[in-house]
Amino acid sequence: MAEETADKLMKQAYQLLNEGDYQKAYSKFDKATKVDAGNAEAWFGKAEAAALVPKVKTEDILAAYKKAAELDPKNPLYHSSMGSFCVEAGLFNDAEAAYKKAAELDPENAAYYYSEFGVEYFKRAPVVMEAYMDDKTEEMVMKKSLKYLLLSIGLTESDALELLQRK
């Protein structure tokens, strides 16, 4: 029996993802990374599938995203998807760095990466940091969110203040 190729395994994995069988898709992507350890798309697929399998550890999912980004460092999708995962996992510094990298790699769509981080951070941070949420922490979350929302429309904080104070 011929050894399965990474491409064949990935086709099977994508089919399983479409069918909602995330555990089997994860296994196929994992196998693809073992067959071809240099295949960024296989690592990315592994991370995406793993994020949908409750028993996979956060650090293992993050490691797969990082490996995909390391192998194909110019792919903004890998960075923005890692950012989205990190926001959900409460890894806000990693999320911020990933979204910034995606924006740097894809300046034409930077506004979308900045706004996505701003909105998602605003929604998720208070949930993750609920035990520590006081007025000061809430203000910090709003400031960081606002900073990225302003960036998404091309304004600095000082430009926004000046604009709002004009009559």
Protein backbone atom coordinates (compact mmCIF):
# COMPACT_ATOMS: atom_id res chain seq x y z
CA MET A 1 0.00 0.00 0.00
CA ALA A 2 1.44 3.37 -1.02
CA GLU A 3 2.05 5.91 1.69
CA GLU A 4 -0.55 8.63 1.75
CA THR A 5 0.61 11.99 0.49
CA ALA A 6 0.11 15.19 2.45
CA ASP A 7 -2.12 16.53 -0.33
CA LYS A 8 -4.37 13.46 -0.23
CA LEU A 9 -4.56 13.61 3.56
CA MET A 10 -5.44 17.28 3.44
CA LYS A 11 -8.20 16.74 0.88
CA GLN A 12 -9.66 14.10 3.20
CA ALA A 13 -9.25 16.44 6.18
CA TYR A 14 -11.06 19.30 4.44
CA GLN A 15 -13.89 16.95 3.51
CA LEU A 16 -14.16 15.84 7.14
CA LEU A 17 -14.17 19.47 8.27
CA ASN A 18 -17.03 20.19 5.86
CA GLU A 19 -18.90 17.23 7.32
CA GLY A 20 -18.35 18.53 10.85
CA ASP A 21 -16.12 15.65 11.95
CA TYR A 22 -13.47 17.84 13.56
CA GLN A 23 -11.69 15.09 15.48
CA LYS A 24 -11.07 13.01 12.34
CA ALA A 25 -10.14 16.12 10.36
CA TYR A 26 -7.65 17.03 13.07
CA SER A 27 -6.17 13.54 12.89
CA LYS A 28 -5.78 13.76 9.10
CA PHE A 29 -4.14 17.19 9.28
CA ASP A 30 -1.87 15.91 12.05
CA LYS A 31 -0.87 12.98 9.85
CA ALA A 32 -0.24 15.38 6.95
CA THR A 33 2.16 17.39 9.14
CA LYS A 34 4.03 14.19 9.91
CA VAL A 35 4.22 13.21 6.22
CA ASP A 36 5.33 16.71 5.20
CA ALA A 37 6.54 18.74 8.20
CA GLY A 38 7.26 21.71 5.94
CA ASN A 39 3.68 22.08 4.71
CA ALA A 40 2.36 25.33 6.18
CA GLU A 41 -1.20 24.68 5.02
CA ALA A 42 -1.25 21.33 6.82
CA TRP A 43 -0.15 23.00 10.06
CA PHE A 44 -2.77 25.70 9.58
CA GLY A 45 -5.47 23.09 8.92
CA LYS A 46 -4.34 21.20 12.01
CA ALA A 47 -4.70 24.37 14.10
CA GLU A 48 -8.10 25.24 12.65
CA ALA A 49 -9.46 21.73 13.20
CA ALA A 50 -7.86 21.45 16.65
CA ALA A 51 -9.59 24.65 17.74
CA LEU A 52 -12.88 22.79 17.23
CA VAL A 53 -11.83 19.70 19.24
CA PRO A 54 -12.36 20.36 22.95
CA LYS A 55 -9.70 17.94 24.20
CA VAL A 56 -6.81 19.57 22.29
CA LYS A 57 -4.77 21.86 24.54
CA THR A 58 -4.58 25.58 23.84
CA GLU A 59 -0.77 25.51 23.71
CA ASP A 60 -0.86 22.73 21.08
CA ILE A 61 -3.28 24.70 18.92
CA LEU A 62 -1.18 27.84 19.26
CA ALA A 63 1.97 25.88 18.41
CA ALA A 64 0.34 24.65 15.17
CA TYR A 65 -0.69 28.21 14.20
CA LYS A 66 2.84 29.44 14.97
CA LYS A 67 4.38 26.65 12.89
CA ALA A 68 2.16 27.54 9.91
CA ALA A 69 3.12 31.21 10.25
CA GLU A 70 6.80 30.31 10.59
CA LEU A 71 6.70 28.17 7.44
CA ASP A 72 4.74 30.77 5.43
CA PRO A 73 5.52 34.05 7.22
CA LYS A 74 3.95 36.25 4.53
CA ASN A 75 0.44 34.73 4.80
CA PRO A 76 -1.79 37.22 6.66
CA LEU A 77 -4.57 34.62 7.04
CA TYR A 78 -2.36 32.50 9.29
CA HIS A 79 -1.65 35.48 11.52
CA SER A 80 -5.22 36.81 11.67
CA SER A 81 -6.63 33.35 12.37
CA MET A 82 -4.06 32.87 15.12
CA GLY A 83 -5.10 36.28 16.47
CA SER A 84 -8.74 35.30 16.49
CA PHE A 85 -7.95 32.06 18.30
CA CYS A 86 -5.80 33.90 20.84
CA VAL A 87 -8.56 36.41 21.61
CA GLU A 88 -10.96 33.54 22.25
CA ALA A 89 -8.36 31.81 24.45
CA GLY A 90 -7.72 35.02 26.40
CA LEU A 91 -4.13 35.34 25.12
CA PHE A 92 -4.50 39.03 24.36
CA ASN A 93 -0.84 39.96 23.90
CA ASP A 94 -0.40 37.13 21.40
CA ALA A 95 -3.63 38.17 19.68
CA GLU A 96 -2.53 41.79 19.40
CA ALA A 97 0.84 40.79 17.94
CA ALA A 98 -0.78 38.41 15.43
CA TYR A 99 -3.31 40.99 14.21
CA LYS A 100 -0.58 43.64 13.92
CA LYS A 101 1.51 41.22 11.85
CA ALA A 102 -1.45 40.45 9.58
CA ALA A 103 -2.02 44.20 9.09
CA GLU A 104 1.66 44.72 8.31
CA LEU A 105 1.63 41.89 5.75
CA ASP A 106 -1.61 42.98 4.13
CA PRO A 107 -1.74 46.79 4.39
CA GLU A 108 -4.61 46.97 1.93
CA ASN A 109 -6.80 45.16 4.49
CA ALA A 110 -5.14 46.46 7.66
CA ALA A 111 -8.31 48.29 8.66
CA TYR A 112 -10.16 44.98 8.92
CA TYR A 113 -7.50 43.35 11.09
CA TYR A 114 -7.34 46.36 13.41
CA SER A 115 -11.11 46.64 13.71
CA GLU A 116 -11.52 42.91 14.29
CA PHE A 117 -8.99 42.98 17.12
CA GLY A 118 -10.55 46.13 18.60
CA VAL A 119 -14.07 44.72 18.63
CA GLU A 120 -13.16 41.18 19.66
CA TYR A 121 -10.85 42.39 22.45
CA PHE A 122 -13.61 44.72 23.70
CA LYS A 123 -16.10 41.84 23.81
CA ARG A 124 -13.81 39.08 25.15
CA ALA A 125 -11.44 40.78 27.61
CA PRO A 126 -14.12 41.63 30.21
CA VAL A 127 -15.29 37.99 30.17
CA VAL A 128 -11.77 36.57 30.54
CA MET A 129 -10.72 39.15 33.13
CA GLU A 130 -14.03 39.16 35.02
CA ALA A 131 -12.39 38.42 38.38
CA TYR A 132 -10.07 41.43 37.94
CA MET A 133 -12.55 43.78 36.31
CA ASP A 134 -12.58 47.06 38.17
CA ASP A 135 -12.96 50.58 36.79
CA LYS A 136 -9.24 50.84 35.96
CA THR A 137 -9.19 47.50 34.08
CA GLU A 138 -12.38 48.34 32.25
CA GLU A 139 -10.86 51.67 31.20
CA MET A 140 -7.70 49.88 29.99
CA VAL A 141 -9.81 47.51 27.86
CA MET A 142 -11.79 50.40 26.36
CA LYS A 143 -8.64 52.40 25.60
CA LYS A 144 -6.93 49.52 23.84
CA SER A 145 -10.07 48.69 21.88
CA LEU A 146 -10.53 52.32 20.91
CA LYS A 147 -6.87 52.61 19.85
CA TYR A 148 -7.36 49.78 17.34
CA LEU A 149 -10.73 51.02 16.14
CA LEU A 150 -9.15 54.42 15.50
CA LEU A 151 -6.24 52.77 13.69
CA SER A 152 -8.77 50.97 11.50
CA ILE A 153 -10.00 54.31 10.17
CA GLY A 154 -6.53 55.81 9.97
CA LEU A 155 -6.65 58.06 13.01
CA THR A 156 -4.24 58.42 15.89
CA GLU A 157 -5.60 59.18 19.34
CA SER A 158 -4.51 62.82 19.11
CA ASP A 159 -6.06 63.21 15.62
CA ALA A 160 -9.34 61.79 16.92
CA LEU A 161 -9.34 64.17 19.91
CA GLU A 162 -8.63 67.14 17.66
CA LEU A 163 -11.38 66.11 15.27
CA LEU A 164 -13.92 65.65 18.05
CA GLN A 165 -13.11 69.07 19.55
CA ARG A 166 -13.63 70.95 16.27
CA LYS A 167 -16.78 72.98 15.91
